[in-house]
């Protein structure tokens, strides 16, 4: 007599993620706000930093951080953008949902990166293993909710170069525009 384990198996191997873009020049980057309270303040600054580097962005906001993005949003991003930055996960359910969003967009050919707080590094790794995607992530401090807007902006400033390097190879050559 033999027994079979009825539980779901994790993917046996991680599928490589879509390679970063060769260049970000002339490309459009989706900034996906997962809908987490205060995450928009981080993304606001990230959007400004991209503009200072002449990087075109389109903003998207999920209706809730506890569900995957609506299919229409995923389709819109895939049709109108070349890469995606998904931010800012700082709990288990939003980490799981944003990892699924990253996977869905990766399957549609978009280079992508998730931005999460350090507390959820293991959750992201577990989700990647379950889904089977070797997804990219950048981590910022935890927690998010009790930070000031200025702190969230500094997080974006500290992380922007690493985030952009995850989605485009030419970021070491990208310089910020001089501002008067």
C-alpha atoms as a PDB file:
ATOM      1  CA  UNK A   1       0.000   0.000   0.000  1.00  0.00           C
ATOM      2  CA  UNK A   2       1.318   3.477  -0.815  1.00  0.00           C
ATOM      3  CA  UNK A   3       0.310   6.886   0.462  1.00  0.00           C
ATOM      4  CA  UNK A   4       0.279  10.144  -1.419  1.00  0.00           C
ATOM      5  CA  UNK A   5       0.753  13.570   0.075  1.00  0.00           C
ATOM      6  CA  UNK A   6      -2.319  15.672  -0.857  1.00  0.00           C
ATOM      7  CA  UNK A   7      -0.684  19.025  -0.104  1.00  0.00           C
ATOM      8  CA  UNK A   8       0.379  21.333  -2.894  1.00  0.00           C
ATOM      9  CA  UNK A   9       3.994  21.234  -3.909  1.00  0.00           C
ATOM     10  CA  UNK A  10       6.157  24.266  -4.411  1.00  0.00           C
ATOM     11  CA  UNK A  11       7.662  24.750  -7.803  1.00  0.00           C
ATOM     12  CA  UNK A  12      10.695  22.502  -8.128  1.00  0.00           C
ATOM     13  CA  UNK A  13      12.766  25.243  -9.719  1.00  0.00           C
ATOM     14  CA  UNK A  14      12.473  28.981  -9.985  1.00  0.00           C
ATOM     15  CA  UNK A  15      11.770  30.320 -13.455  1.00  0.00           C
ATOM     16  CA  UNK A  16      14.154  33.117 -14.420  1.00  0.00           C
ATOM     17  CA  UNK A  17      12.489  36.494 -14.401  1.00  0.00           C
ATOM     18  CA  UNK A  18      12.328  38.655 -17.511  1.00  0.00           C
ATOM     19  CA  UNK A  19      15.754  40.197 -18.041  1.00  0.00           C
ATOM     20  CA  UNK A  20      16.174  43.871 -17.219  1.00  0.00           C
ATOM     21  CA  UNK A  21      15.752  46.230 -20.161  1.00  0.00           C
ATOM     22  CA  UNK A  22      18.949  47.029 -22.048  1.00  0.00           C
ATOM     23  CA  UNK A  23      18.100  50.704 -21.784  1.00  0.00           C
ATOM     24  CA  UNK A  24      15.471  52.726 -20.020  1.00  0.00           C
ATOM     25  CA  UNK A  25      15.735  55.514 -22.592  1.00  0.00           C
ATOM     26  CA  UNK A  26      12.434  55.903 -24.413  1.00  0.00           C
ATOM     27  CA  UNK A  27      10.715  53.333 -22.199  1.00  0.00           C
ATOM     28  CA  UNK A  28       7.724  53.731 -19.898  1.00  0.00           C
ATOM     29  CA  UNK A  29       7.838  52.424 -16.350  1.00  0.00           C
ATOM     30  CA  UNK A  30       4.666  51.503 -14.472  1.00  0.00           C
ATOM     31  CA  UNK A  31       4.617  52.612 -10.849  1.00  0.00           C
ATOM     32  CA  UNK A  32       2.098  50.265  -9.224  1.00  0.00           C
ATOM     33  CA  UNK A  33       0.854  51.492  -5.860  1.00  0.00           C
ATOM     34  CA  UNK A  34      -0.438  48.377  -4.107  1.00  0.00           C
ATOM     35  CA  UNK A  35      -2.886  50.470  -2.106  1.00  0.00           C
ATOM     36  CA  UNK A  36      -1.109  50.263   1.230  1.00  0.00           C
ATOM     37  CA  UNK A  37      -1.693  53.319   3.415  1.00  0.00           C
ATOM     38  CA  UNK A  38       1.278  55.739   3.156  1.00  0.00           C
ATOM     39  CA  UNK A  39       2.862  53.805   0.289  1.00  0.00           C
ATOM     40  CA  UNK A  40       1.737  56.540  -2.089  1.00  0.00           C
ATOM     41  CA  UNK A  41       4.094  58.979  -0.343  1.00  0.00           C
ATOM     42  CA  UNK A  42       7.038  56.703  -1.180  1.00  0.00           C
ATOM     43  CA  UNK A  43       5.822  56.342  -4.779  1.00  0.00           C
ATOM     44  CA  UNK A  44       5.246  60.103  -5.083  1.00  0.00           C
ATOM     45  CA  UNK A  45       8.937  60.678  -4.399  1.00  0.00           C
ATOM     46  CA  UNK A  46       9.973  57.772  -6.624  1.00  0.00           C
ATOM     47  CA  UNK A  47       7.956  59.325  -9.440  1.00  0.00           C
ATOM     48  CA  UNK A  48       9.718  62.679  -8.917  1.00  0.00           C
ATOM     49  CA  UNK A  49      13.124  60.979  -8.927  1.00  0.00           C
ATOM     50  CA  UNK A  50      12.294  59.223 -12.186  1.00  0.00           C
ATOM     51  CA  UNK A  51      11.180  62.519 -13.732  1.00  0.00           C
ATOM     52  CA  UNK A  52      14.499  64.087 -12.693  1.00  0.00           C
ATOM     53  CA  UNK A  53      16.219  61.307 -14.673  1.00  0.00           C
ATOM     54  CA  UNK A  54      13.956  61.823 -17.715  1.00  0.00           C
ATOM     55  CA  UNK A  55      12.292  58.452 -17.113  1.00  0.00           C
ATOM     56  CA  UNK A  56       8.676  58.316 -18.254  1.00  0.00           C
ATOM     57  CA  UNK A  57       6.291  56.756 -15.740  1.00  0.00           C
ATOM     58  CA  UNK A  58       2.623  55.865 -15.560  1.00  0.00           C
ATOM     59  CA  UNK A  59       0.913  55.548 -12.173  1.00  0.00           C
ATOM     60  CA  UNK A  60      -1.430  52.721 -11.264  1.00  0.00           C
ATOM     61  CA  UNK A  61      -3.165  52.077  -7.943  1.00  0.00           C
ATOM     62  CA  UNK A  62      -4.735  48.823  -6.882  1.00  0.00           C
ATOM     63  CA  UNK A  63      -8.124  49.105  -5.186  1.00  0.00           C
ATOM     64  CA  UNK A  64      -6.808  47.116  -2.212  1.00  0.00           C
ATOM     65  CA  UNK A  65      -3.516  45.688  -1.061  1.00  0.00           C
ATOM     66  CA  UNK A  66      -5.126  42.406   0.030  1.00  0.00           C
ATOM     67  CA  UNK A  67      -6.016  41.203  -3.462  1.00  0.00           C
ATOM     68  CA  UNK A  68      -4.152  40.791  -6.711  1.00  0.00           C
ATOM     69  CA  UNK A  69      -4.434  43.594  -9.223  1.00  0.00           C
ATOM     70  CA  UNK A  70      -7.543  43.563 -11.402  1.00  0.00           C
ATOM     71  CA  UNK A  71      -7.001  41.773 -14.723  1.00  0.00           C
ATOM     72  CA  UNK A  72      -7.783  45.015 -16.581  1.00  0.00           C
ATOM     73  CA  UNK A  73      -4.963  46.800 -14.735  1.00  0.00           C
ATOM     74  CA  UNK A  74      -2.472  44.033 -15.531  1.00  0.00           C
ATOM     75  CA  UNK A  75      -3.530  44.184 -19.195  1.00  0.00           C
ATOM     76  CA  UNK A  76      -3.230  47.994 -19.274  1.00  0.00           C
ATOM     77  CA  UNK A  77       0.249  47.909 -17.734  1.00  0.00           C
ATOM     78  CA  UNK A  78       1.386  45.183 -20.136  1.00  0.00           C
ATOM     79  CA  UNK A  79       0.093  47.121 -23.150  1.00  0.00           C
ATOM     80  CA  UNK A  80       1.415  50.555 -22.152  1.00  0.00           C
ATOM     81  CA  UNK A  81       4.590  49.981 -20.148  1.00  0.00           C
ATOM     82  CA  UNK A  82       7.951  48.317 -20.575  1.00  0.00           C
ATOM     83  CA  UNK A  83       8.736  47.576 -16.927  1.00  0.00           C
ATOM     84  CA  UNK A  84       7.053  47.782 -13.535  1.00  0.00           C
ATOM     85  CA  UNK A  85       7.920  48.855 -10.006  1.00  0.00           C
ATOM     86  CA  UNK A  86       5.483  47.476  -7.430  1.00  0.00           C
ATOM     87  CA  UNK A  87       5.483  49.193  -4.022  1.00  0.00           C
ATOM     88  CA  UNK A  88       5.285  49.205  -1.035  1.00  0.00           C
ATOM     89  CA  UNK A  89       4.588  45.890   0.722  1.00  0.00           C
ATOM     90  CA  UNK A  90       4.889  45.722   4.489  1.00  0.00           C
ATOM     91  CA  UNK A  91       2.661  42.829   5.554  1.00  0.00           C
ATOM     92  CA  UNK A  92       2.075  39.201   4.647  1.00  0.00           C
ATOM     93  CA  UNK A  93      -1.074  39.491   2.545  1.00  0.00           C
ATOM     94  CA  UNK A  94       0.154  42.449   0.503  1.00  0.00           C
ATOM     95  CA  UNK A  95       3.509  40.721  -0.038  1.00  0.00           C
ATOM     96  CA  UNK A  96       1.706  37.641  -1.341  1.00  0.00           C
ATOM     97  CA  UNK A  97      -0.599  39.626  -3.624  1.00  0.00           C
ATOM     98  CA  UNK A  98       2.151  41.884  -4.982  1.00  0.00           C
ATOM     99  CA  UNK A  99       4.327  38.832  -5.706  1.00  0.00           C
ATOM    100  CA  UNK A 100       1.484  37.365  -7.747  1.00  0.00           C
ATOM    101  CA  UNK A 101       1.158  40.711  -9.562  1.00  0.00           C
ATOM    102  CA  UNK A 102       4.907  40.679 -10.279  1.00  0.00           C
ATOM    103  CA  UNK A 103       4.576  37.151 -11.661  1.00  0.00           C
ATOM    104  CA  UNK A 104       1.570  38.043 -13.832  1.00  0.00           C
ATOM    105  CA  UNK A 105       3.411  41.005 -15.353  1.00  0.00           C
ATOM    106  CA  UNK A 106       6.609  38.987 -15.776  1.00  0.00           C
ATOM    107  CA  UNK A 107       4.638  36.407 -17.761  1.00  0.00           C
ATOM    108  CA  UNK A 108       3.514  39.251 -20.032  1.00  0.00           C
ATOM    109  CA  UNK A 109       7.153  40.170 -20.703  1.00  0.00           C
ATOM    110  CA  UNK A 110       7.722  43.089 -18.314  1.00  0.00           C
ATOM    111  CA  UNK A 111      10.898  43.455 -16.297  1.00  0.00           C
ATOM    112  CA  UNK A 112       9.815  44.133 -12.745  1.00  0.00           C
ATOM    113  CA  UNK A 113      10.784  44.651  -9.140  1.00  0.00           C
ATOM    114  CA  UNK A 114       8.865  44.635  -5.879  1.00  0.00           C
ATOM    115  CA  UNK A 115       9.705  47.043  -3.082  1.00  0.00           C
ATOM    116  CA  UNK A 116       9.071  45.585   0.371  1.00  0.00           C
ATOM    117  CA  UNK A 117      10.033  46.250   3.944  1.00  0.00           C
ATOM    118  CA  UNK A 118      12.805  44.140   5.420  1.00  0.00           C
ATOM    119  CA  UNK A 119      10.438  42.328   7.783  1.00  0.00           C
ATOM    120  CA  UNK A 120       8.869  40.542   4.803  1.00  0.00           C
ATOM    121  CA  UNK A 121      11.999  39.288   3.058  1.00  0.00           C
ATOM    122  CA  UNK A 122      11.230  35.692   4.054  1.00  0.00           C
ATOM    123  CA  UNK A 123       7.594  36.027   2.990  1.00  0.00           C
ATOM    124  CA  UNK A 124       8.721  37.209  -0.455  1.00  0.00           C
ATOM    125  CA  UNK A 125      11.182  34.317  -0.723  1.00  0.00           C
ATOM    126  CA  UNK A 126       8.432  31.847   0.239  1.00  0.00           C
ATOM    127  CA  UNK A 127       6.010  33.322  -2.284  1.00  0.00           C
ATOM    128  CA  UNK A 128       8.651  33.192  -5.023  1.00  0.00           C
ATOM    129  CA  UNK A 129       9.228  29.510  -4.251  1.00  0.00           C
ATOM    130  CA  UNK A 130       5.495  28.749  -4.303  1.00  0.00           C
ATOM    131  CA  UNK A 131       4.891  30.623  -7.533  1.00  0.00           C
ATOM    132  CA  UNK A 132       8.131  29.483  -9.157  1.00  0.00           C
ATOM    133  CA  UNK A 133       9.439  32.919 -10.157  1.00  0.00           C
ATOM    134  CA  UNK A 134      12.908  34.173  -9.337  1.00  0.00           C
ATOM    135  CA  UNK A 135      11.514  37.671  -8.833  1.00  0.00           C
ATOM    136  CA  UNK A 136      13.518  40.770  -7.961  1.00  0.00           C
ATOM    137  CA  UNK A 137      13.053  42.798  -4.797  1.00  0.00           C
ATOM    138  CA  UNK A 138      14.465  45.853  -3.095  1.00  0.00           C
ATOM    139  CA  UNK A 139      14.033  46.207   0.652  1.00  0.00           C
ATOM    140  CA  UNK A 140      13.509  49.310   2.766  1.00  0.00           C
ATOM    141  CA  UNK A 141      13.230  49.650   6.544  1.00  0.00           C
ATOM    142  CA  UNK A 142      10.247  48.418   8.533  1.00  0.00           C
ATOM    143  CA  UNK A 143       7.690  49.566   9.643  1.00  0.00           C
ATOM    144  CA  UNK A 144       6.084  51.874   7.110  1.00  0.00           C
ATOM    145  CA  UNK A 145       3.054  53.231   8.954  1.00  0.00           C
ATOM    146  CA  UNK A 146       4.746  55.316  11.666  1.00  0.00           C
ATOM    147  CA  UNK A 147       7.200  57.130   9.356  1.00  0.00           C
ATOM    148  CA  UNK A 148       7.003  60.769   8.385  1.00  0.00           C
ATOM    149  CA  UNK A 149       6.585  61.841   4.779  1.00  0.00           C
ATOM    150  CA  UNK A 150      10.169  63.100   4.856  1.00  0.00           C
ATOM    151  CA  UNK A 151      11.387  59.666   5.995  1.00  0.00           C
ATOM    152  CA  UNK A 152       9.429  57.906   3.252  1.00  0.00           C
ATOM    153  CA  UNK A 153      10.916  60.316   0.714  1.00  0.00           C
ATOM    154  CA  UNK A 154      14.423  59.557   2.014  1.00  0.00           C
ATOM    155  CA  UNK A 155      13.687  55.833   1.653  1.00  0.00           C
ATOM    156  CA  UNK A 156      12.803  56.415  -1.999  1.00  0.00           C
ATOM    157  CA  UNK A 157      15.948  58.511  -2.517  1.00  0.00           C
ATOM    158  CA  UNK A 158      18.117  55.803  -0.947  1.00  0.00           C
ATOM    159  CA  UNK A 159      16.497  52.983  -2.937  1.00  0.00           C
ATOM    160  CA  UNK A 160      15.892  54.531  -6.383  1.00  0.00           C
ATOM    161  CA  UNK A 161      19.217  53.529  -7.947  1.00  0.00           C
ATOM    162  CA  UNK A 162      18.901  49.902  -6.834  1.00  0.00           C
ATOM    163  CA  UNK A 163      15.265  49.793  -7.967  1.00  0.00           C
ATOM    164  CA  UNK A 164      16.146  51.122 -11.422  1.00  0.00           C
ATOM    165  CA  UNK A 165      19.099  48.730 -11.755  1.00  0.00           C
ATOM    166  CA  UNK A 166      16.667  45.844 -11.243  1.00  0.00           C
ATOM    167  CA  UNK A 167      14.649  46.875 -14.306  1.00  0.00           C
ATOM    168  CA  UNK A 168      17.265  48.371 -16.664  1.00  0.00           C
ATOM    169  CA  UNK A 169      20.905  47.524 -17.256  1.00  0.00           C
ATOM    170  CA  UNK A 170      21.928  51.041 -18.318  1.00  0.00           C
ATOM    171  CA  UNK A 171      21.138  52.679 -14.984  1.00  0.00           C
ATOM    172  CA  UNK A 172      24.777  53.020 -13.985  1.00  0.00           C
ATOM    173  CA  UNK A 173      25.037  55.559 -16.835  1.00  0.00           C
ATOM    174  CA  UNK A 174      21.836  57.470 -16.045  1.00  0.00           C
ATOM    175  CA  UNK A 175      22.454  60.847 -14.464  1.00  0.00           C
ATOM    176  CA  UNK A 176      19.991  63.104 -12.782  1.00  0.00           C
ATOM    177  CA  UNK A 177      19.152  66.273 -14.665  1.00  0.00           C
ATOM    178  CA  UNK A 178      20.663  69.409 -13.255  1.00  0.00           C
ATOM    179  CA  UNK A 179      17.991  71.384 -11.466  1.00  0.00           C
ATOM    180  CA  UNK A 180      18.236  75.105 -11.009  1.00  0.00           C
END
